[in-house]
Amino acid sequence: MNKEGYRDPTAEKAIANAGKSKHIPKEVYEPVKKLKEILEFQHIYVDEIKFHTNSGKYEKQWK
């Protein structure tokens, strides 16, 4: 709620998502980006890449 007492859905959503990164870490993003560039140079296109850890705690999708 905001200071007037009304619901603030934008702020509530931001607070709920705090700490839940929706971005792929740079250490993963950069090499995969380079790999996609190399493949596209050879006219091979990647539609989707999924990342996850063995524990399942980290899972991201790159389309």
PDB file of N, CA and C in Angstrom:
ATOM      1  N   MET A   1       0.837  -1.182   0.000  1.00  0.00           N
ATOM      2  CA  MET A   1       0.000   0.000   0.000  1.00  0.00           C
ATOM      3  C   MET A   1       0.880   1.244   0.000  1.00  0.00           C
ATOM      4  N   ASN A   2       0.339   2.296  -0.604  1.00  0.00           N
ATOM      5  CA  ASN A   2       1.086   3.539  -0.585  1.00  0.00           C
ATOM      6  C   ASN A   2       0.765   4.313   0.694  1.00  0.00           C
ATOM      7  N   LYS A   3       1.343   5.483   0.827  1.00  0.00           N
ATOM      8  CA  LYS A   3       1.179   6.211   2.100  1.00  0.00           C
ATOM      9  C   LYS A   3      -0.245   6.713   2.315  1.00  0.00           C
ATOM     10  N   GLU A   4      -1.072   6.783   1.247  1.00  0.00           N
ATOM     11  CA  GLU A   4      -2.475   7.166   1.410  1.00  0.00           C
ATOM     12  C   GLU A   4      -3.353   5.978   1.771  1.00  0.00           C
ATOM     13  N   GLY A   5      -2.790   4.767   1.731  1.00  0.00           N
ATOM     14  CA  GLY A   5      -3.532   3.572   2.111  1.00  0.00           C
ATOM     15  C   GLY A   5      -4.113   2.798   0.947  1.00  0.00           C
ATOM     16  N   TYR A   6      -3.850   3.234  -0.287  1.00  0.00           N
ATOM     17  CA  TYR A   6      -4.351   2.530  -1.466  1.00  0.00           C
ATOM     18  C   TYR A   6      -3.353   1.460  -1.905  1.00  0.00           C
ATOM     19  N   ARG A   7      -3.887   0.406  -2.535  1.00  0.00           N
ATOM     20  CA  ARG A   7      -3.020  -0.642  -3.069  1.00  0.00           C
ATOM     21  C   ARG A   7      -2.161  -0.074  -4.192  1.00  0.00           C
ATOM     22  N   ASP A   8      -0.925  -0.511  -4.234  1.00  0.00           N
ATOM     23  CA  ASP A   8       0.000  -0.103  -5.287  1.00  0.00           C
ATOM     24  C   ASP A   8       0.537  -1.375  -5.936  1.00  0.00           C
ATOM     25  N   PRO A   9      -0.158  -1.891  -6.976  1.00  0.00           N
ATOM     26  CA  PRO A   9       0.240  -3.173  -7.554  1.00  0.00           C
ATOM     27  C   PRO A   9       1.653  -3.186  -8.122  1.00  0.00           C
ATOM     28  N   THR A  10       2.098  -2.056  -8.651  1.00  0.00           N
ATOM     29  CA  THR A  10       3.451  -2.003  -9.213  1.00  0.00           C
ATOM     30  C   THR A  10       4.488  -2.201  -8.118  1.00  0.00           C
ATOM     31  N   ALA A  11       4.320  -1.513  -7.016  1.00  0.00           N
ATOM     32  CA  ALA A  11       5.259  -1.654  -5.893  1.00  0.00           C
ATOM     33  C   ALA A  11       5.177  -3.044  -5.287  1.00  0.00           C
ATOM     34  N   GLU A  12       3.976  -3.587  -5.172  1.00  0.00           N
ATOM     35  CA  GLU A  12       3.817  -4.937  -4.616  1.00  0.00           C
ATOM     36  C   GLU A  12       4.524  -5.969  -5.486  1.00  0.00           C
ATOM     37  N   LYS A  13       4.393  -5.823  -6.798  1.00  0.00           N
ATOM     38  CA  LYS A  13       5.053  -6.753  -7.713  1.00  0.00           C
ATOM     39  C   LYS A  13       6.573  -6.625  -7.618  1.00  0.00           C
ATOM     40  N   ALA A  14       7.063  -5.391  -7.536  1.00  0.00           N
ATOM     41  CA  ALA A  14       8.507  -5.170  -7.423  1.00  0.00           C
ATOM     42  C   ALA A  14       9.055  -5.781  -6.140  1.00  0.00           C
ATOM     43  N   ILE A  15       8.339  -5.616  -5.060  1.00  0.00           N
ATOM     44  CA  ILE A  15       8.781  -6.173  -3.778  1.00  0.00           C
ATOM     45  C   ILE A  15       8.754  -7.698  -3.832  1.00  0.00           C
ATOM     46  N   ALA A  16       7.708  -8.263  -4.428  1.00  0.00           N
ATOM     47  CA  ALA A  16       7.601  -9.722  -4.524  1.00  0.00           C
ATOM     48  C   ALA A  16       8.724 -10.314  -5.370  1.00  0.00           C
ATOM     49  N   ASN A  17       9.155  -9.568  -6.389  1.00  0.00           N
ATOM     50  CA  ASN A  17      10.204 -10.069  -7.276  1.00  0.00           C
ATOM     51  C   ASN A  17      11.613  -9.693  -6.827  1.00  0.00           C
ATOM     52  N   ALA A  18      11.732  -8.946  -5.767  1.00  0.00           N
ATOM     53  CA  ALA A  18      13.058  -8.545  -5.282  1.00  0.00           C
ATOM     54  C   ALA A  18      13.879  -9.789  -4.973  1.00  0.00           C
ATOM     55  N   GLY A  19      15.069  -9.829  -5.487  1.00  0.00           N
ATOM     56  CA  GLY A  19      15.945 -10.968  -5.250  1.00  0.00           C
ATOM     57  C   GLY A  19      15.768 -12.090  -6.250  1.00  0.00           C
ATOM     58  N   LYS A  20      14.761 -12.011  -7.094  1.00  0.00           N
ATOM     59  CA  LYS A  20      14.556 -13.026  -8.126  1.00  0.00           C
ATOM     60  C   LYS A  20      15.065 -12.461  -9.449  1.00  0.00           C
ATOM     61  N   SER A  21      16.304 -12.705  -9.724  1.00  0.00           N
ATOM     62  CA  SER A  21      16.903 -12.169 -10.938  1.00  0.00           C
ATOM     63  C   SER A  21      16.279 -12.817 -12.166  1.00  0.00           C
ATOM     64  N   LYS A  22      15.905 -12.002 -13.135  1.00  0.00           N
ATOM     65  CA  LYS A  22      15.350 -12.510 -14.381  1.00  0.00           C
ATOM     66  C   LYS A  22      16.395 -12.460 -15.484  1.00  0.00           C
ATOM     67  N   HIS A  23      17.609 -12.152 -15.126  1.00  0.00           N
ATOM     68  CA  HIS A  23      18.672 -12.011 -16.112  1.00  0.00           C
ATOM     69  C   HIS A  23      19.672 -13.161 -15.990  1.00  0.00           C
ATOM     70  N   ILE A  24      20.217 -13.518 -17.106  1.00  0.00           N
ATOM     71  CA  ILE A  24      21.259 -14.538 -17.123  1.00  0.00           C
ATOM     72  C   ILE A  24      22.557 -13.868 -16.692  1.00  0.00           C
ATOM     73  N   PRO A  25      23.312 -14.484 -15.774  1.00  0.00           N
ATOM     74  CA  PRO A  25      24.568 -13.873 -15.332  1.00  0.00           C
ATOM     75  C   PRO A  25      25.518 -13.624 -16.508  1.00  0.00           C
ATOM     76  N   LYS A  26      26.282 -12.551 -16.399  1.00  0.00           N
ATOM     77  CA  LYS A  26      27.200 -12.159 -17.476  1.00  0.00           C
ATOM     78  C   LYS A  26      28.183 -13.275 -17.803  1.00  0.00           C
ATOM     79  N   GLU A  27      28.616 -14.033 -16.807  1.00  0.00           N
ATOM     80  CA  GLU A  27      29.579 -15.124 -17.018  1.00  0.00           C
ATOM     81  C   GLU A  27      28.997 -16.211 -17.920  1.00  0.00           C
ATOM     82  N   VAL A  28      27.681 -16.330 -17.949  1.00  0.00           N
ATOM     83  CA  VAL A  28      27.018 -17.310 -18.805  1.00  0.00           C
ATOM     84  C   VAL A  28      26.609 -16.651 -20.121  1.00  0.00           C
ATOM     85  N   TYR A  29      26.090 -15.451 -20.034  1.00  0.00           N
ATOM     86  CA  TYR A  29      25.555 -14.751 -21.204  1.00  0.00           C
ATOM     87  C   TYR A  29      26.599 -14.519 -22.291  1.00  0.00           C
ATOM     88  N   GLU A  30      27.767 -14.015 -21.912  1.00  0.00           N
ATOM     89  CA  GLU A  30      28.789 -13.653 -22.908  1.00  0.00           C
ATOM     90  C   GLU A  30      29.249 -14.839 -23.754  1.00  0.00           C
ATOM     91  N   PRO A  31      29.644 -15.980 -23.170  1.00  0.00           N
ATOM     92  CA  PRO A  31      30.079 -17.100 -24.018  1.00  0.00           C
ATOM     93  C   PRO A  31      28.950 -17.652 -24.892  1.00  0.00           C
ATOM     94  N   VAL A  32      27.733 -17.680 -24.359  1.00  0.00           N
ATOM     95  CA  VAL A  32      26.614 -18.193 -25.144  1.00  0.00           C
ATOM     96  C   VAL A  32      26.306 -17.246 -26.297  1.00  0.00           C
ATOM     97  N   LYS A  33      26.400 -15.959 -26.043  1.00  0.00           N
ATOM     98  CA  LYS A  33      26.188 -14.962 -27.095  1.00  0.00           C
ATOM     99  C   LYS A  33      27.208 -15.158 -28.222  1.00  0.00           C
ATOM    100  N   LYS A  34      28.460 -15.368 -27.852  1.00  0.00           N
ATOM    101  CA  LYS A  34      29.516 -15.601 -28.849  1.00  0.00           C
ATOM    102  C   LYS A  34      29.241 -16.884 -29.645  1.00  0.00           C
ATOM    103  N   LEU A  35      28.820 -17.935 -28.937  1.00  0.00           N
ATOM    104  CA  LEU A  35      28.505 -19.193 -29.608  1.00  0.00           C
ATOM    105  C   LEU A  35      27.366 -18.999 -30.610  1.00  0.00           C
ATOM    106  N   LYS A  36      26.328 -18.266 -30.211  1.00  0.00           N
ATOM    107  CA  LYS A  36      25.222 -17.994 -31.126  1.00  0.00           C
ATOM    108  C   LYS A  36      25.700 -17.215 -32.352  1.00  0.00           C
ATOM    109  N   GLU A  37      26.593 -16.255 -32.148  1.00  0.00           N
ATOM    110  CA  GLU A  37      27.128 -15.477 -33.274  1.00  0.00           C
ATOM    111  C   GLU A  37      27.900 -16.369 -34.244  1.00  0.00           C
ATOM    112  N   ILE A  38      28.706 -17.273 -33.702  1.00  0.00           N
ATOM    113  CA  ILE A  38      29.485 -18.191 -34.545  1.00  0.00           C
ATOM    114  C   ILE A  38      28.546 -19.100 -35.337  1.00  0.00           C
ATOM    115  N   LEU A  39      27.533 -19.636 -34.666  1.00  0.00           N
ATOM    116  CA  LEU A  39      26.590 -20.520 -35.345  1.00  0.00           C
ATOM    117  C   LEU A  39      25.803 -19.778 -36.424  1.00  0.00           C
ATOM    118  N   GLU A  40      25.382 -18.561 -36.121  1.00  0.00           N
ATOM    119  CA  GLU A  40      24.624 -17.782 -37.104  1.00  0.00           C
ATOM    120  C   GLU A  40      25.488 -17.434 -38.321  1.00  0.00           C
ATOM    121  N   PHE A  41      26.770 -17.258 -38.104  1.00  0.00           N
ATOM    122  CA  PHE A  41      27.687 -17.018 -39.218  1.00  0.00           C
ATOM    123  C   PHE A  41      27.658 -18.199 -40.183  1.00  0.00           C
ATOM    124  N   GLN A  42      27.452 -19.398 -39.641  1.00  0.00           N
ATOM    125  CA  GLN A  42      27.371 -20.619 -40.450  1.00  0.00           C
ATOM    126  C   GLN A  42      25.924 -20.939 -40.847  1.00  0.00           C
ATOM    127  N   HIS A  43      25.023 -19.976 -40.634  1.00  0.00           N
ATOM    128  CA  HIS A  43      23.600 -20.126 -40.961  1.00  0.00           C
ATOM    129  C   HIS A  43      22.932 -21.229 -40.153  1.00  0.00           C
ATOM    130  N   ILE A  44      23.353 -21.349 -38.912  1.00  0.00           N
ATOM    131  CA  ILE A  44      22.727 -22.264 -37.951  1.00  0.00           C
ATOM    132  C   ILE A  44      22.125 -21.379 -36.871  1.00  0.00           C
ATOM    133  N   TYR A  45      20.829 -21.530 -36.624  1.00  0.00           N
ATOM    134  CA  TYR A  45      20.143 -20.635 -35.702  1.00  0.00           C
ATOM    135  C   TYR A  45      19.636 -21.394 -34.476  1.00  0.00           C
ATOM    136  N   VAL A  46      19.819 -20.791 -33.329  1.00  0.00           N
ATOM    137  CA  VAL A  46      19.392 -21.364 -32.060  1.00  0.00           C
ATOM    138  C   VAL A  46      18.093 -20.683 -31.661  1.00  0.00           C
ATOM    139  N   ASP A  47      17.045 -21.474 -31.458  1.00  0.00           N
ATOM    140  CA  ASP A  47      15.751 -20.907 -31.083  1.00  0.00           C
ATOM    141  C   ASP A  47      15.620 -20.703 -29.580  1.00  0.00           C
ATOM    142  N   GLU A  48      16.179 -21.623 -28.822  1.00  0.00           N
ATOM    143  CA  GLU A  48      15.969 -21.570 -27.380  1.00  0.00           C
ATOM    144  C   GLU A  48      17.104 -22.293 -26.661  1.00  0.00           C
ATOM    145  N   ILE A  49      17.503 -21.734 -25.527  1.00  0.00           N
ATOM    146  CA  ILE A  49      18.521 -22.364 -24.679  1.00  0.00           C
ATOM    147  C   ILE A  49      17.977 -22.344 -23.253  1.00  0.00           C
ATOM    148  N   LYS A  50      18.078 -23.472 -22.563  1.00  0.00           N
ATOM    149  CA  LYS A  50      17.642 -23.545 -21.170  1.00  0.00           C
ATOM    150  C   LYS A  50      18.851 -23.848 -20.292  1.00  0.00           C
ATOM    151  N   PHE A  51      18.945 -23.134 -19.174  1.00  0.00           N
ATOM    152  CA  PHE A  51      20.019 -23.335 -18.211  1.00  0.00           C
ATOM    153  C   PHE A  51      19.414 -23.819 -16.897  1.00  0.00           C
ATOM    154  N   HIS A  52      20.106 -24.735 -16.243  1.00  0.00           N
ATOM    155  CA  HIS A  52      19.693 -25.124 -14.893  1.00  0.00           C
ATOM    156  C   HIS A  52      20.877 -25.753 -14.175  1.00  0.00           C
ATOM    157  N   THR A  53      20.813 -25.731 -12.865  1.00  0.00           N
ATOM    158  CA  THR A  53      21.840 -26.381 -12.059  1.00  0.00           C
ATOM    159  C   THR A  53      21.346 -27.765 -11.674  1.00  0.00           C
ATOM    160  N   ASN A  54      22.236 -28.600 -11.207  1.00  0.00           N
ATOM    161  CA  ASN A  54      21.840 -29.940 -10.780  1.00  0.00           C
ATOM    162  C   ASN A  54      20.862 -29.901  -9.617  1.00  0.00           C
ATOM    163  N   SER A  55      20.995 -28.902  -8.767  1.00  0.00           N
ATOM    164  CA  SER A  55      20.096 -28.797  -7.626  1.00  0.00           C
ATOM    165  C   SER A  55      18.737 -28.238  -8.029  1.00  0.00           C
ATOM    166  N   GLY A  56      18.649 -27.649  -9.206  1.00  0.00           N
ATOM    167  CA  GLY A  56      17.387 -27.099  -9.682  1.00  0.00           C
ATOM    168  C   GLY A  56      17.081 -25.720  -9.116  1.00  0.00           C
ATOM    169  N   LYS A  57      18.015 -25.164  -8.370  1.00  0.00           N
ATOM    170  CA  LYS A  57      17.771 -23.855  -7.764  1.00  0.00           C
ATOM    171  C   LYS A  57      17.870 -22.723  -8.782  1.00  0.00           C
ATOM    172  N   TYR A  58      18.609 -22.931  -9.846  1.00  0.00           N
ATOM    173  CA  TYR A  58      18.814 -21.893 -10.855  1.00  0.00           C
ATOM    174  C   TYR A  58      18.297 -22.409 -12.185  1.00  0.00           C
ATOM    175  N   GLU A  59      17.297 -21.756 -12.732  1.00  0.00           N
ATOM    176  CA  GLU A  59      16.769 -22.156 -14.018  1.00  0.00           C
ATOM    177  C   GLU A  59      16.370 -20.910 -14.799  1.00  0.00           C
ATOM    178  N   LYS A  60      16.934 -20.760 -15.986  1.00  0.00           N
ATOM    179  CA  LYS A  60      16.654 -19.616 -16.846  1.00  0.00           C
ATOM    180  C   LYS A  60      16.449 -20.102 -18.264  1.00  0.00           C
ATOM    181  N   GLN A  61      15.741 -19.330 -19.029  1.00  0.00           N
ATOM    182  CA  GLN A  61      15.492 -19.669 -20.414  1.00  0.00           C
ATOM    183  C   GLN A  61      15.860 -18.463 -21.277  1.00  0.00           C
ATOM    184  N   TRP A  62      16.521 -18.729 -22.369  1.00  0.00           N
ATOM    185  CA  TRP A  62      16.939 -17.670 -23.284  1.00  0.00           C
ATOM    186  C   TRP A  62      16.336 -17.977 -24.637  1.00  0.00           C
ATOM    187  N   LYS A  63      15.475 -17.092 -25.100  1.00  0.00           N
ATOM    188  CA  LYS A  63      14.839 -17.283 -26.405  1.00  0.00           C
ATOM    189  C   LYS A  63      15.350 -16.257 -27.361  1.00  0.00           C
TER     190      LYS A  63
END
